[in-house]
C-alpha atoms as a PDB file:
ATOM      1  CA  MET A   1       5.542 150.524 -57.055  1.00  0.00           C
ATOM      2  CA  ALA A   2       8.453 150.048 -59.393  1.00  0.00           C
ATOM      3  CA  ASP A   3      10.847 150.254 -56.439  1.00  0.00           C
ATOM      4  CA  LEU A   4       8.913 147.538 -54.596  1.00  0.00           C
ATOM      5  CA  GLU A   5       9.017 145.230 -57.612  1.00  0.00           C
ATOM      6  CA  GLU A   6      12.800 145.744 -57.958  1.00  0.00           C
ATOM      7  CA  ASN A   7      13.306 144.877 -54.263  1.00  0.00           C
ATOM      8  CA  ASP A   8      11.203 141.740 -54.644  1.00  0.00           C
ATOM      9  CA  ALA A   9      13.113 140.694 -57.744  1.00  0.00           C
ATOM     10  CA  SER A  10      16.483 141.376 -56.104  1.00  0.00           C
ATOM     11  CA  GLY A  11      15.325 139.539 -52.917  1.00  0.00           C
ATOM     12  CA  LYS A  12      14.380 136.460 -54.875  1.00  0.00           C
ATOM     13  CA  LYS A  13      17.769 136.114 -56.597  1.00  0.00           C
ATOM     14  CA  PRO A  14      19.819 135.712 -53.394  1.00  0.00           C
ATOM     15  CA  GLY A  15      17.223 133.285 -52.027  1.00  0.00           C
ATOM     16  CA  LYS A  16      17.441 131.047 -55.112  1.00  0.00           C
ATOM     17  CA  PHE A  17      21.261 131.120 -55.014  1.00  0.00           C
ATOM     18  CA  LYS A  18      21.245 130.068 -51.356  1.00  0.00           C
ATOM     19  CA  LYS A  19      18.834 127.226 -52.107  1.00  0.00           C
ATOM     20  CA  ILE A  20      21.048 125.993 -54.966  1.00  0.00           C
ATOM     21  CA  LEU A  21      24.116 126.155 -52.695  1.00  0.00           C
ATOM     22  CA  LYS A  22      22.275 124.209 -49.971  1.00  0.00           C
ATOM     23  CA  ILE A  23      21.161 121.535 -52.447  1.00  0.00           C
ATOM     24  CA  PHE A  24      24.693 121.286 -53.885  1.00  0.00           C
ATOM     25  CA  GLY A  25      26.166 121.047 -50.380  1.00  0.00           C
ATOM     26  CA  ILE A  26      23.696 118.307 -49.381  1.00  0.00           C
ATOM     27  CA  LEU A  27      24.432 116.346 -52.579  1.00  0.00           C
ATOM     28  CA  LEU A  28      28.182 116.706 -51.990  1.00  0.00           C
ATOM     29  CA  LEU A  29      27.766 115.535 -48.387  1.00  0.00           C
ATOM     30  CA  LEU A  30      25.708 112.542 -49.524  1.00  0.00           C
ATOM     31  CA  MET A  31      28.350 111.614 -52.106  1.00  0.00           C
ATOM     32  CA  VAL A  32      31.106 111.827 -49.485  1.00  0.00           C
ATOM     33  CA  LEU A  33      29.057 109.673 -47.092  1.00  0.00           C
ATOM     34  CA  ILE A  34      28.313 107.084 -49.783  1.00  0.00           C
ATOM     35  CA  ILE A  35      31.942 106.889 -50.974  1.00  0.00           C
ATOM     36  CA  GLY A  36      33.220 106.840 -47.380  1.00  0.00           C
ATOM     37  CA  GLY A  37      30.736 104.110 -46.440  1.00  0.00           C
ATOM     38  CA  PHE A  38      31.758 102.068 -49.479  1.00  0.00           C
ATOM     39  CA  CYS A  39      35.475 102.395 -48.593  1.00  0.00           C
ATOM     40  CA  LEU A  40      34.808 101.474 -44.960  1.00  0.00           C
ATOM     41  CA  GLY A  41      32.716  98.498 -46.080  1.00  0.00           C
ATOM     42  CA  ILE A  42      35.612  97.227 -48.195  1.00  0.00           C
ATOM     43  CA  TYR A  43      38.149  97.946 -45.441  1.00  0.00           C
ATOM     44  CA  PHE A  44      36.145  96.089 -42.779  1.00  0.00           C
ATOM     45  CA  ARG A  45      35.255  93.367 -45.333  1.00  0.00           C
ATOM     46  CA  LEU A  46      31.532  94.003 -45.092  1.00  0.00           C
ATOM     47  CA  ILE A  47      31.456  94.310 -48.880  1.00  0.00           C
ATOM     48  CA  ASP A  48      33.051  91.643 -51.082  1.00  0.00           C
ATOM     49  CA  SER A  49      35.220  93.703 -53.439  1.00  0.00           C
ATOM     50  CA  ASN A  50      36.282  90.670 -55.501  1.00  0.00           C
ATOM     51  CA  GLU A  51      32.670  89.829 -56.356  1.00  0.00           C
ATOM     52  CA  MET A  52      31.910  93.446 -57.276  1.00  0.00           C
ATOM     53  CA  ASP A  53      35.111  93.611 -59.289  1.00  0.00           C
ATOM     54  CA  GLU A  54      34.071  90.586 -61.374  1.00  0.00           C
ATOM     55  CA  LYS A  55      30.412  91.627 -61.654  1.00  0.00           C
ATOM     56  CA  TYR A  56      30.876  95.275 -62.640  1.00  0.00           C
ATOM     57  CA  GLY A  57      34.378  95.142 -64.172  1.00  0.00           C
ATOM     58  CA  LEU A  58      35.835  97.726 -61.799  1.00  0.00           C
ATOM     59  CA  TYR A  59      39.366  96.779 -62.902  1.00  0.00           C
ATOM     60  CA  ASP A  60      38.692  98.479 -66.295  1.00  0.00           C
ATOM     61  CA  MET A  61      37.641 101.842 -64.835  1.00  0.00           C
ATOM     62  CA  PRO A  62      40.151 104.658 -65.318  1.00  0.00           C
ATOM     63  CA  ILE A  63      40.908 105.945 -61.806  1.00  0.00           C
ATOM     64  CA  ILE A  64      39.854 103.175 -59.427  1.00  0.00           C
ATOM     65  CA  GLY A  65      40.884 100.339 -61.764  1.00  0.00           C
ATOM     66  CA  ASP A  66      44.385 100.263 -60.260  1.00  0.00           C
ATOM     67  CA  MET A  67      42.921  99.270 -56.896  1.00  0.00           C
ATOM     68  CA  PHE A  68      41.293  96.115 -58.285  1.00  0.00           C
ATOM     69  CA  VAL A  69      42.895  92.967 -59.686  1.00  0.00           C
ATOM     70  CA  ARG A  70      41.861  91.584 -63.048  1.00  0.00           C
ATOM     71  CA  PRO A  71      40.368  88.119 -62.464  1.00  0.00           C
ATOM     72  CA  VAL A  72      42.211  85.098 -63.845  1.00  0.00           C
ATOM     73  CA  PRO A  73      40.292  82.967 -66.377  1.00  0.00           C
ATOM     74  CA  ASP A  74      39.285  79.477 -65.221  1.00  0.00           C
ATOM     75  CA  GLY A  75      41.916  76.801 -65.688  1.00  0.00           C
ATOM     76  CA  GLU A  76      44.815  79.217 -65.381  1.00  0.00           C
ATOM     77  CA  SER A  77      46.543  80.397 -62.282  1.00  0.00           C
ATOM     78  CA  SER A  78      48.160  83.768 -61.888  1.00  0.00           C
ATOM     79  CA  VAL A  79      51.485  81.975 -61.400  1.00  0.00           C
ATOM     80  CA  ASP A  80      51.087  80.240 -64.786  1.00  0.00           C
ATOM     81  CA  GLU A  81      50.335  83.569 -66.467  1.00  0.00           C
ATOM     82  CA  ALA A  82      53.316  85.222 -64.851  1.00  0.00           C
ATOM     83  CA  GLU A  83      55.571  82.389 -66.012  1.00  0.00           C
ATOM     84  CA  LYS A  84      54.238  82.674 -69.575  1.00  0.00           C
ATOM     85  CA  LYS A  85      54.876  86.410 -69.640  1.00  0.00           C
ATOM     86  CA  ASN A  86      58.226  86.260 -67.853  1.00  0.00           C
ATOM     87  CA  PRO A  87      59.906  82.881 -68.213  1.00  0.00           C
ATOM     88  CA  PRO A  88      62.232  82.099 -65.312  1.00  0.00           C
ATOM     89  CA  LYS A  89      65.864  82.893 -65.890  1.00  0.00           C
ATOM     90  CA  VAL A  90      68.188  79.939 -65.900  1.00  0.00           C
ATOM     91  CA  GLU A  91      70.941  80.605 -63.436  1.00  0.00           C
ATOM     92  CA  GLU A  92      74.362  79.414 -64.307  1.00  0.00           C
ATOM     93  CA  LYS A  93      75.763  77.112 -61.694  1.00  0.00           C
ATOM     94  CA  LYS A  94      78.896  78.544 -60.225  1.00  0.00           C
ATOM     95  CA  PRO A  95      81.486  76.122 -59.014  1.00  0.00           C
ATOM     96  CA  GLN A  96      81.324  75.981 -55.256  1.00  0.00           C
ATOM     97  CA  LYS A  97      84.475  76.867 -53.462  1.00  0.00           C
ATOM     98  CA  LYS A  98      85.629  74.290 -50.980  1.00  0.00           C
ATOM     99  CA  SER A  99      85.824  75.699 -47.515  1.00  0.00           C
ATOM    100  CA  LYS A 100      89.294  75.708 -46.125  1.00  0.00           C
ATOM    101  CA  ASP A 101      89.949  73.786 -42.960  1.00  0.00           C
ATOM    102  CA  VAL A 102      90.207  76.143 -40.032  1.00  0.00           C
ATOM    103  CA  VAL A 103      93.375  75.600 -38.085  1.00  0.00           C
ATOM    104  CA  LEU A 104      93.444  77.131 -34.628  1.00  0.00           C
ATOM    105  CA  SER A 105      96.630  78.177 -32.971  1.00  0.00           C
ATOM    106  CA  LYS A 106      97.673  76.774 -29.592  1.00  0.00           C
ATOM    107  CA  GLU A 107      96.829  80.094 -27.915  1.00  0.00           C
ATOM    108  CA  GLU A 108      93.319  80.110 -29.390  1.00  0.00           C
ATOM    109  CA  ILE A 109      92.711  76.548 -28.232  1.00  0.00           C
ATOM    110  CA  GLU A 110      93.881  77.407 -24.709  1.00  0.00           C
ATOM    111  CA  LYS A 111      91.705  80.536 -24.695  1.00  0.00           C
ATOM    112  CA  GLN A 112      88.620  78.561 -25.742  1.00  0.00           C
ATOM    113  CA  THR A 113      89.356  75.879 -23.143  1.00  0.00           C
ATOM    114  CA  LYS A 114      89.676  78.493 -20.374  1.00  0.00           C
ATOM    115  CA  GLU A 115      86.430  80.155 -21.450  1.00  0.00           C
ATOM    116  CA  ARG A 116      84.626  76.811 -21.425  1.00  0.00           C
ATOM    117  CA  GLN A 117      86.007  75.968 -17.970  1.00  0.00           C
ATOM    118  CA  ALA A 118      84.971  79.387 -16.620  1.00  0.00           C
ATOM    119  CA  GLU A 119      81.433  78.908 -17.939  1.00  0.00           C
ATOM    120  CA  GLU A 120      81.303  75.424 -16.402  1.00  0.00           C
ATOM    121  CA  LYS A 121      82.419  76.795 -13.013  1.00  0.00           C
ATOM    122  CA  LYS A 122      79.671  79.429 -13.143  1.00  0.00           C
ATOM    123  CA  ARG A 123      77.038  76.805 -13.910  1.00  0.00           C
ATOM    124  CA  ILE A 124      78.277  74.532 -11.089  1.00  0.00           C
ATOM    125  CA  SER A 125      78.315  77.422  -8.591  1.00  0.00           C
ATOM    126  CA  LYS A 126      74.769  78.350  -9.533  1.00  0.00           C
ATOM    127  CA  LEU A 127      73.602  74.743  -9.149  1.00  0.00           C
ATOM    128  CA  ALA A 128      75.389  74.465  -5.803  1.00  0.00           C
ATOM    129  CA  ARG A 129      73.530  77.553  -4.530  1.00  0.00           C
ATOM    130  CA  LEU A 130      70.224  76.032  -5.660  1.00  0.00           C
ATOM    131  CA  TYR A 131      70.899  72.679  -3.942  1.00  0.00           C
ATOM    132  CA  ASN A 132      72.078  74.469  -0.773  1.00  0.00           C
ATOM    133  CA  GLU A 133      68.617  75.994  -0.419  1.00  0.00           C
ATOM    134  CA  MET A 134      66.792  72.667  -0.885  1.00  0.00           C
ATOM    135  CA  LYS A 135      65.912  70.182   1.780  1.00  0.00           C
ATOM    136  CA  PRO A 136      68.656  67.496   1.902  1.00  0.00           C
ATOM    137  CA  GLU A 137      66.237  64.646   1.082  1.00  0.00           C
ATOM    138  CA  ASP A 138      64.884  66.520  -1.984  1.00  0.00           C
ATOM    139  CA  ALA A 139      68.367  67.382  -3.197  1.00  0.00           C
ATOM    140  CA  ALA A 140      69.492  63.770  -2.728  1.00  0.00           C
ATOM    141  CA  LYS A 141      66.561  62.477  -4.816  1.00  0.00           C
ATOM    142  CA  ILE A 142      67.580  64.713  -7.716  1.00  0.00           C
ATOM    143  CA  LEU A 143      71.326  64.090  -7.420  1.00  0.00           C
ATOM    144  CA  GLU A 144      70.758  60.332  -7.190  1.00  0.00           C
ATOM    145  CA  GLY A 145      70.036  60.175 -10.917  1.00  0.00           C
ATOM    146  CA  MET A 146      73.122  62.151 -12.007  1.00  0.00           C
ATOM    147  CA  GLU A 147      76.609  60.994 -12.939  1.00  0.00           C
ATOM    148  CA  ASP A 148      79.210  60.900 -10.166  1.00  0.00           C
ATOM    149  CA  ASP A 149      81.481  63.598 -11.622  1.00  0.00           C
ATOM    150  CA  ILE A 150      78.598  66.103 -11.875  1.00  0.00           C
ATOM    151  CA  VAL A 151      77.375  65.281  -8.360  1.00  0.00           C
ATOM    152  CA  ILE A 152      80.884  65.672  -6.934  1.00  0.00           C
ATOM    153  CA  SER A 153      81.430  68.990  -8.750  1.00  0.00           C
ATOM    154  CA  ILE A 154      78.214  70.332  -7.233  1.00  0.00           C
ATOM    155  CA  LEU A 155      78.845  68.907  -3.738  1.00  0.00           C
ATOM    156  CA  GLN A 156      82.330  70.435  -3.604  1.00  0.00           C
ATOM    157  CA  LYS A 157      80.826  73.924  -4.017  1.00  0.00           C
ATOM    158  CA  MET A 158      78.139  73.404  -1.344  1.00  0.00           C
ATOM    159  CA  ASP A 159      78.175  73.946   2.435  1.00  0.00           C
ATOM    160  CA  GLU A 160      79.726  70.985   4.272  1.00  0.00           C
ATOM    161  CA  SER A 161      76.765  70.577   6.632  1.00  0.00           C
ATOM    162  CA  GLN A 162      74.357  70.330   3.685  1.00  0.00           C
ATOM    163  CA  VAL A 163      76.684  67.887   1.866  1.00  0.00           C
ATOM    164  CA  SER A 164      76.834  65.592   4.894  1.00  0.00           C
ATOM    165  CA  GLN A 165      73.046  65.501   5.151  1.00  0.00           C
ATOM    166  CA  ILE A 166      72.693  64.796   1.411  1.00  0.00           C
ATOM    167  CA  LEU A 167      75.257  61.954   1.569  1.00  0.00           C
ATOM    168  CA  THR A 168      73.298  60.293   4.359  1.00  0.00           C
ATOM    169  CA  GLU A 169      70.265  60.217   2.049  1.00  0.00           C
ATOM    170  CA  PHE A 170      72.215  58.278  -0.648  1.00  0.00           C
ATOM    171  CA  ASN A 171      72.482  54.500  -0.432  1.00  0.00           C
ATOM    172  CA  THR A 172      75.680  53.467   1.361  1.00  0.00           C
ATOM    173  CA  GLU A 173      77.510  52.152  -1.729  1.00  0.00           C
ATOM    174  CA  ARG A 174      76.920  55.349  -3.703  1.00  0.00           C
ATOM    175  CA  ALA A 175      77.854  57.571  -0.750  1.00  0.00           C
ATOM    176  CA  ALA A 176      81.072  55.546  -0.208  1.00  0.00           C
ATOM    177  CA  GLY A 177      81.955  55.748  -3.918  1.00  0.00           C
ATOM    178  CA  ILE A 178      81.409  59.502  -4.063  1.00  0.00           C
ATOM    179  CA  THR A 179      83.410  60.012  -0.865  1.00  0.00           C
ATOM    180  CA  LYS A 180      86.287  57.959  -2.262  1.00  0.00           C
ATOM    181  CA  ILE A 181      86.354  59.975  -5.502  1.00  0.00           C
ATOM    182  CA  MET A 182      86.196  63.244  -3.542  1.00  0.00           C
ATOM    183  CA  TYR A 183      89.174  62.061  -1.471  1.00  0.00           C
ATOM    184  CA  ASN A 184      91.270  61.013  -4.492  1.00  0.00           C
ATOM    185  CA  GLY A 185      90.141  63.946  -6.641  1.00  0.00           C
ATOM    186  CA  LEU A 186      88.063  63.950  -9.784  1.00  0.00           C
ATOM    187  CA  PRO A 187      89.631  62.202 -12.755  1.00  0.00           C
ATOM    188  CA  LYS A 188      90.173  64.755 -15.477  1.00  0.00           C
ATOM    189  CA  ARG A 189      87.660  64.523 -18.269  1.00  0.00           C
ATOM    190  CA  PRO A 190      89.230  64.455 -21.725  1.00  0.00           C
ATOM    191  CA  ALA A 191      89.262  68.010 -23.057  1.00  0.00           C
ATOM    192  CA  GLN A 192      87.613  68.486 -26.387  1.00  0.00           C
ATOM    193  CA  ASN A 193      89.961  69.742 -29.065  1.00  0.00           C
ATOM    194  CA  PRO A 194      88.181  72.590 -30.885  1.00  0.00           C
ATOM    195  CA  SER A 195      90.432  72.296 -33.951  1.00  0.00           C
ATOM    196  CA  ALA A 196      89.525  68.609 -34.297  1.00  0.00           C
ATOM    197  CA  ASN A 197      85.835  69.468 -34.102  1.00  0.00           C
ATOM    198  CA  ASN A 198      86.194  72.116 -36.790  1.00  0.00           C
ATOM    199  CA  GLN A 199      88.072  69.740 -39.052  1.00  0.00           C
ATOM    200  CA  ASN A 200      85.369  67.101 -38.648  1.00  0.00           C
ATOM    201  CA  ASN A 201      82.698  69.601 -39.631  1.00  0.00           C
END
């Protein structure tokens, strides 16, 4: 009989310990779910953390207080408070150095001019290819509104058969004028002097 009572007593102890562990585990799981739900609610803005912060004073709590901002009293802005605590530093005005005029050498000017001319030739060639693929009447409508020197530059890079069809679409005075300029050659446009531009700036 004594042996049976000892077995019952020893059997009860492990059962109680397991129950306590289960209850502790369930409580811990509930706490994790509640805290996780609260954090997710704040993250997805389902819970207004500013309102809770003001209502419960969460900014004064020891661990989580760093995550909340202390509310600013009415009539003051946070910028005003910051300026009271840390007045702005007065910066000393340094005398501004006058920029020196950039003087380009003759070689640099020639290099820039050549680069500009090469870029212009590329643009004209590209435009000429585009107008070559258009119908002559459509190309003529577009070219009609452009200046003569641009039109001539484009026409000189195009196929002769396409140019002749485009010229027939122009009015006779314009076609005659363009033909005359193409015969005599384009008058040279005044080249821009890069050093003069830099000095003006």
